[in-house]
Amino acid sequence: MMMMMMMMMMMMMMMMMMMMMMMMMMMMMMMMMMMMMMMMMMMMMKMKMMMMMMMMMMMMMMMMMMMMMMMMMMMMTMTMTMTMTMMMMMMMMMMMMMMMMMMMMMMMMMMTAWCEQW
């Protein structure tokens, strides 16, 4: 029995560690992206380009938020038992993310086209 308990504890710890690592990685990636964006902005100080960059920044932010949300959800699911509702919630989140990505893409395309015309 004790052995089992120990094992369980170990597993939990491992999971937590993994999650933390993932979070850190995400953060790093975001930082990198932001930096890149800034650099690009510096490079293209033209008005239309500025508009584009703003859009990009917004997108990045959104993605960050989404990632964070996903991570939180994951943590929750890890701690609790994976119930059906949780599964459903996860699915919903995924769908939302997909939708957001699509929207972003569309917006980007539109912006680029507009800029070109302009």
N, C-alpha and C. Protein backbone atom coordinates (compact mmCIF):
# COMPACT_ATOMS: atom_id res chain seq x y z
N MET A 1 0.84 -1.20 0.00
CA MET A 1 0.00 0.00 0.00
C MET A 1 0.88 1.26 0.00
N MET A 2 1.80 1.28 0.91
CA MET A 2 2.68 2.44 1.02
C MET A 2 3.41 2.67 -0.29
N MET A 3 3.86 1.59 -0.85
CA MET A 3 4.59 1.65 -2.10
C MET A 3 3.72 2.33 -3.17
N MET A 4 2.49 1.89 -3.21
CA MET A 4 1.55 2.42 -4.19
C MET A 4 1.41 3.92 -4.01
N MET A 5 1.25 4.32 -2.79
CA MET A 5 1.07 5.73 -2.46
C MET A 5 2.28 6.52 -2.95
N MET A 6 3.43 5.99 -2.66
CA MET A 6 4.66 6.65 -3.04
C MET A 6 4.72 6.82 -4.54
N MET A 7 4.38 5.78 -5.23
CA MET A 7 4.40 5.79 -6.68
C MET A 7 3.48 6.89 -7.21
N MET A 8 2.29 6.93 -6.63
CA MET A 8 1.30 7.91 -7.05
C MET A 8 1.85 9.31 -6.86
N MET A 9 2.43 9.53 -5.72
CA MET A 9 2.98 10.83 -5.39
C MET A 9 4.04 11.22 -6.41
N MET A 10 4.91 10.28 -6.69
CA MET A 10 5.98 10.50 -7.64
C MET A 10 5.42 10.91 -8.99
N MET A 11 4.41 10.19 -9.41
CA MET A 11 3.79 10.44 -10.70
C MET A 11 3.26 11.86 -10.75
N MET A 12 2.56 12.22 -9.68
CA MET A 12 1.96 13.54 -9.60
C MET A 12 3.04 14.60 -9.71
N MET A 13 4.11 14.40 -8.99
CA MET A 13 5.20 15.35 -8.98
C MET A 13 5.76 15.51 -10.38
N MET A 14 5.94 14.39 -11.02
CA MET A 14 6.49 14.38 -12.37
C MET A 14 5.60 15.21 -13.29
N MET A 15 4.31 14.95 -13.19
CA MET A 15 3.34 15.65 -14.02
C MET A 15 3.46 17.15 -13.81
N MET A 16 3.49 17.53 -12.57
CA MET A 16 3.57 18.94 -12.23
C MET A 16 4.82 19.56 -12.83
N MET A 17 5.91 18.85 -12.68
CA MET A 17 7.18 19.34 -13.19
C MET A 17 7.08 19.56 -14.69
N MET A 18 6.51 18.59 -15.36
CA MET A 18 6.36 18.65 -16.80
C MET A 18 5.57 19.88 -17.19
N MET A 19 4.45 20.08 -16.47
CA MET A 19 3.58 21.22 -16.74
C MET A 19 4.35 22.52 -16.59
N MET A 20 5.09 22.60 -15.52
CA MET A 20 5.85 23.80 -15.24
C MET A 20 6.82 24.08 -16.38
N MET A 21 7.49 23.03 -16.79
CA MET A 21 8.45 23.14 -17.87
C MET A 21 7.78 23.67 -19.12
N MET A 22 6.63 23.10 -19.42
CA MET A 22 5.88 23.49 -20.61
C MET A 22 5.55 24.97 -20.53
N MET A 23 5.09 25.38 -19.36
CA MET A 23 4.71 26.78 -19.16
C MET A 23 5.90 27.68 -19.45
N MET A 24 7.03 27.29 -18.90
CA MET A 24 8.24 28.07 -19.08
C MET A 24 8.59 28.19 -20.55
N MET A 25 8.51 27.08 -21.22
CA MET A 25 8.82 27.03 -22.64
C MET A 25 7.93 27.99 -23.41
N MET A 26 6.63 27.93 -23.09
CA MET A 26 5.65 28.78 -23.74
C MET A 26 6.05 30.24 -23.56
N MET A 27 6.35 30.56 -22.33
CA MET A 27 6.69 31.93 -22.00
C MET A 27 7.88 32.38 -22.84
N MET A 28 8.88 31.53 -22.90
CA MET A 28 10.08 31.84 -23.65
C MET A 28 9.75 32.11 -25.10
N MET A 29 8.96 31.23 -25.65
CA MET A 29 8.58 31.34 -27.05
C MET A 29 7.88 32.67 -27.29
N MET A 30 6.97 33.00 -26.40
CA MET A 30 6.22 34.24 -26.54
C MET A 30 7.15 35.43 -26.53
N MET A 31 8.08 35.39 -25.59
CA MET A 31 9.03 36.48 -25.47
C MET A 31 9.79 36.64 -26.77
N MET A 32 10.24 35.53 -27.28
CA MET A 32 11.00 35.53 -28.52
C MET A 32 10.18 36.16 -29.64
N MET A 33 8.94 35.73 -29.74
CA MET A 33 8.06 36.24 -30.78
C MET A 33 7.90 37.73 -30.67
N MET A 34 7.67 38.16 -29.43
CA MET A 34 7.47 39.58 -29.20
C MET A 34 8.70 40.35 -29.64
N MET A 35 9.85 39.84 -29.29
CA MET A 35 11.10 40.48 -29.65
C MET A 35 11.21 40.61 -31.15
N MET A 36 10.90 39.53 -31.82
CA MET A 36 10.98 39.51 -33.27
C MET A 36 10.08 40.59 -33.86
N MET A 37 8.86 40.65 -33.30
CA MET A 37 7.89 41.63 -33.77
C MET A 37 8.46 43.04 -33.62
N MET A 38 9.03 43.27 -32.46
CA MET A 38 9.58 44.59 -32.18
C MET A 38 10.64 44.94 -33.21
N MET A 39 11.50 43.97 -33.48
CA MET A 39 12.57 44.18 -34.44
C MET A 39 11.99 44.56 -35.80
N MET A 40 10.97 43.81 -36.18
CA MET A 40 10.33 44.04 -37.47
C MET A 40 9.78 45.45 -37.50
N MET A 41 9.15 45.83 -36.41
CA MET A 41 8.55 47.15 -36.32
C MET A 41 9.61 48.21 -36.53
N MET A 42 10.75 48.02 -35.86
CA MET A 42 11.85 48.95 -35.97
C MET A 42 12.26 49.08 -37.42
N MET A 43 12.33 47.93 -38.06
CA MET A 43 12.76 47.91 -39.44
C MET A 43 11.77 48.62 -40.36
N MET A 44 10.47 48.27 -40.22
CA MET A 44 9.47 48.85 -41.11
C MET A 44 8.70 49.96 -40.41
N MET A 45 9.27 51.15 -40.42
CA MET A 45 8.60 52.24 -39.73
C MET A 45 7.58 52.96 -40.62
N LYS A 46 7.20 52.33 -41.72
CA LYS A 46 6.21 52.97 -42.58
C LYS A 46 4.82 52.81 -41.97
N MET A 47 3.94 53.67 -42.33
CA MET A 47 2.61 53.67 -41.72
C MET A 47 1.86 52.37 -41.92
N LYS A 48 1.72 51.94 -43.17
CA LYS A 48 0.93 50.73 -43.43
C LYS A 48 1.53 49.53 -42.71
N MET A 49 2.87 49.49 -42.72
CA MET A 49 3.54 48.39 -42.07
C MET A 49 3.21 48.39 -40.59
N MET A 50 3.11 49.60 -40.03
CA MET A 50 2.80 49.73 -38.61
C MET A 50 1.47 49.05 -38.32
N MET A 51 0.51 49.32 -39.19
CA MET A 51 -0.82 48.73 -39.02
C MET A 51 -0.70 47.21 -38.95
N MET A 52 0.04 46.67 -39.91
CA MET A 52 0.23 45.23 -39.99
C MET A 52 0.84 44.71 -38.70
N MET A 53 1.86 45.39 -38.25
CA MET A 53 2.56 44.96 -37.06
C MET A 53 1.64 44.94 -35.85
N MET A 54 0.80 45.96 -35.77
CA MET A 54 -0.15 46.04 -34.66
C MET A 54 -1.02 44.80 -34.66
N MET A 55 -1.51 44.46 -35.85
CA MET A 55 -2.37 43.29 -35.98
C MET A 55 -1.64 42.05 -35.50
N MET A 56 -0.39 41.95 -35.93
CA MET A 56 0.42 40.80 -35.58
C MET A 56 0.55 40.69 -34.07
N MET A 57 0.82 41.83 -33.45
CA MET A 57 1.00 41.87 -32.01
C MET A 57 -0.25 41.35 -31.32
N MET A 58 -1.38 41.84 -31.76
CA MET A 58 -2.65 41.43 -31.18
C MET A 58 -2.81 39.93 -31.29
N MET A 59 -2.47 39.43 -32.45
CA MET A 59 -2.59 38.00 -32.68
C MET A 59 -1.75 37.21 -31.70
N MET A 60 -0.51 37.69 -31.54
CA MET A 60 0.42 37.02 -30.65
C MET A 60 -0.17 36.96 -29.24
N MET A 61 -0.72 38.08 -28.83
CA MET A 61 -1.31 38.17 -27.50
C MET A 61 -2.40 37.13 -27.34
N MET A 62 -3.26 37.09 -28.35
CA MET A 62 -4.38 36.16 -28.33
C MET A 62 -3.89 34.75 -28.18
N MET A 63 -2.88 34.42 -28.97
CA MET A 63 -2.35 33.07 -28.93
C MET A 63 -1.81 32.75 -27.56
N MET A 64 -1.13 33.72 -26.98
CA MET A 64 -0.58 33.52 -25.65
C MET A 64 -1.68 33.17 -24.68
N MET A 65 -2.72 33.97 -24.73
CA MET A 65 -3.86 33.76 -23.84
C MET A 65 -4.39 32.35 -24.00
N MET A 66 -4.57 31.99 -25.26
CA MET A 66 -5.11 30.67 -25.56
C MET A 66 -4.25 29.58 -24.96
N MET A 67 -2.94 29.73 -25.17
CA MET A 67 -2.01 28.73 -24.66
C MET A 67 -2.12 28.61 -23.16
N MET A 68 -2.18 29.75 -22.52
CA MET A 68 -2.27 29.77 -21.06
C MET A 68 -3.51 29.04 -20.60
N MET A 69 -4.60 29.35 -21.27
CA MET A 69 -5.88 28.74 -20.93
C MET A 69 -5.78 27.24 -21.05
N MET A 70 -5.21 26.82 -22.15
CA MET A 70 -5.06 25.39 -22.41
C MET A 70 -4.26 24.75 -21.29
N MET A 71 -3.18 25.41 -20.92
CA MET A 71 -2.31 24.88 -19.88
C MET A 71 -3.07 24.72 -18.59
N MET A 72 -3.83 25.74 -18.26
CA MET A 72 -4.61 25.71 -17.03
C MET A 72 -5.55 24.53 -17.03
N MET A 73 -6.22 24.39 -18.17
CA MET A 73 -7.18 23.30 -18.31
C MET A 73 -6.49 21.97 -18.09
N MET A 74 -5.30 21.84 -18.69
CA MET A 74 -4.54 20.61 -18.58
C MET A 74 -4.24 20.32 -17.12
N MET A 75 -3.81 21.34 -16.43
CA MET A 75 -3.47 21.17 -15.03
C MET A 75 -4.65 20.66 -14.25
N MET A 76 -5.78 21.29 -14.52
CA MET A 76 -7.00 20.91 -13.84
C MET A 76 -7.31 19.45 -14.06
N THR A 77 -7.26 19.08 -15.31
CA THR A 77 -7.58 17.70 -15.68
C THR A 77 -6.61 16.74 -15.01
N MET A 78 -5.35 17.16 -14.92
CA MET A 78 -4.34 16.30 -14.31
C MET A 78 -4.66 16.08 -12.84
N THR A 79 -5.00 17.16 -12.18
CA THR A 79 -5.26 17.06 -10.75
C THR A 79 -6.52 16.26 -10.46
N MET A 80 -7.58 16.56 -11.19
CA MET A 80 -8.82 15.83 -10.95
C MET A 80 -8.85 14.57 -11.78
N THR A 81 -9.95 13.86 -11.63
CA THR A 81 -10.15 12.69 -12.49
C THR A 81 -10.68 13.25 -13.80
N MET A 82 -10.31 12.63 -14.87
CA MET A 82 -10.73 13.12 -16.17
C MET A 82 -12.18 12.76 -16.41
N THR A 83 -13.07 13.65 -16.03
CA THR A 83 -14.49 13.37 -16.22
C THR A 83 -14.90 13.70 -17.64
N MET A 84 -16.10 13.32 -17.95
CA MET A 84 -16.62 13.55 -19.30
C MET A 84 -16.76 15.04 -19.56
N THR A 85 -17.25 15.75 -18.56
CA THR A 85 -17.46 17.18 -18.72
C THR A 85 -16.14 17.86 -19.06
N MET A 86 -15.10 17.45 -18.36
CA MET A 86 -13.79 18.04 -18.57
C MET A 86 -13.36 17.81 -20.00
N MET A 87 -13.58 16.59 -20.44
CA MET A 87 -13.21 16.23 -21.80
C MET A 87 -13.92 17.17 -22.76
N MET A 88 -15.20 17.35 -22.53
CA MET A 88 -16.01 18.20 -23.38
C MET A 88 -15.44 19.61 -23.39
N MET A 89 -15.09 20.08 -22.21
CA MET A 89 -14.56 21.42 -22.08
C MET A 89 -13.29 21.57 -22.90
N MET A 90 -12.45 20.56 -22.80
CA MET A 90 -11.20 20.57 -23.54
C MET A 90 -11.47 20.67 -25.03
N MET A 91 -12.40 19.87 -25.47
CA MET A 91 -12.76 19.84 -26.87
C MET A 91 -13.22 21.22 -27.32
N MET A 92 -14.05 21.82 -26.49
CA MET A 92 -14.60 23.13 -26.80
C MET A 92 -13.46 24.13 -26.94
N MET A 93 -12.51 24.05 -26.01
CA MET A 93 -11.39 24.96 -26.03
C MET A 93 -10.62 24.82 -27.33
N MET A 94 -10.40 23.58 -27.72
CA MET A 94 -9.67 23.30 -28.95
C MET A 94 -10.38 23.94 -30.12
N MET A 95 -11.69 23.75 -30.17
CA MET A 95 -12.49 24.28 -31.25
C MET A 95 -12.35 25.79 -31.31
N MET A 96 -12.44 26.40 -30.14
CA MET A 96 -12.36 27.85 -30.04
C MET A 96 -11.03 28.31 -30.60
N MET A 97 -9.99 27.58 -30.21
CA MET A 97 -8.66 27.94 -30.66
C MET A 97 -8.57 27.91 -32.16
N MET A 98 -9.10 26.84 -32.72
CA MET A 98 -9.09 26.68 -34.17
C MET A 98 -9.78 27.86 -34.84
N MET A 99 -10.95 28.18 -34.32
CA MET A 99 -11.75 29.26 -34.87
C MET A 99 -10.95 30.56 -34.84
N MET A 100 -10.33 30.79 -33.69
CA MET A 100 -9.56 32.01 -33.52
C MET A 100 -8.46 32.09 -34.55
N MET A 101 -7.77 30.98 -34.74
CA MET A 101 -6.67 30.94 -35.70
C MET A 101 -7.18 31.30 -37.08
N MET A 102 -8.29 30.70 -37.44
CA MET A 102 -8.87 30.95 -38.75
C MET A 102 -9.16 32.43 -38.92
N MET A 103 -9.80 32.98 -37.91
CA MET A 103 -10.17 34.40 -37.95
C MET A 103 -8.93 35.25 -38.15
N MET A 104 -7.90 34.91 -37.38
CA MET A 104 -6.66 35.66 -37.45
C MET A 104 -6.10 35.64 -38.86
N MET A 105 -6.08 34.45 -39.42
CA MET A 105 -5.55 34.28 -40.75
C MET A 105 -6.29 35.17 -41.73
N MET A 106 -7.61 35.11 -41.65
CA MET A 106 -8.45 35.89 -42.53
C MET A 106 -8.12 37.37 -42.40
N MET A 107 -8.05 37.81 -41.14
CA MET A 107 -7.78 39.21 -40.87
C MET A 107 -6.45 39.61 -41.48
N MET A 108 -5.46 38.76 -41.28
CA MET A 108 -4.13 39.05 -41.79
C MET A 108 -4.19 39.24 -43.29
N MET A 109 -4.84 38.30 -43.96
CA MET A 109 -4.94 38.36 -45.42
C MET A 109 -5.57 39.66 -45.85
N MET A 110 -6.69 39.98 -45.19
CA MET A 110 -7.41 41.20 -45.53
C MET A 110 -6.51 42.42 -45.35
N MET A 111 -5.81 42.43 -44.22
CA MET A 111 -4.94 43.56 -43.91
C MET A 111 -3.86 43.71 -44.98
N THR A 112 -3.26 42.59 -45.34
CA THR A 112 -2.19 42.64 -46.34
C THR A 112 -2.72 43.19 -47.65
N ALA A 113 -3.88 42.68 -48.05
CA ALA A 113 -4.49 43.11 -49.31
C ALA A 113 -4.74 44.60 -49.28
N TRP A 114 -5.34 45.03 -48.17
CA TRP A 114 -5.67 46.43 -48.00
C TRP A 114 -4.42 47.30 -48.09
N CYS A 115 -3.40 46.86 -47.42
CA CYS A 115 -2.15 47.61 -47.40
C CYS A 115 -1.59 47.71 -48.82
N GLU A 116 -1.64 46.61 -49.52
CA GLU A 116 -1.13 46.59 -50.87
C GLU A 116 -1.84 47.63 -51.72
N GLN A 117 -3.18 47.61 -51.61
CA GLN A 117 -3.99 48.54 -52.39
C GLN A 117 -3.62 49.96 -52.02
N TRP A 118 -3.52 50.15 -50.72
CA TRP A 118 -3.25 51.46 -50.16
C TRP A 118 -1.82 51.83 -50.45
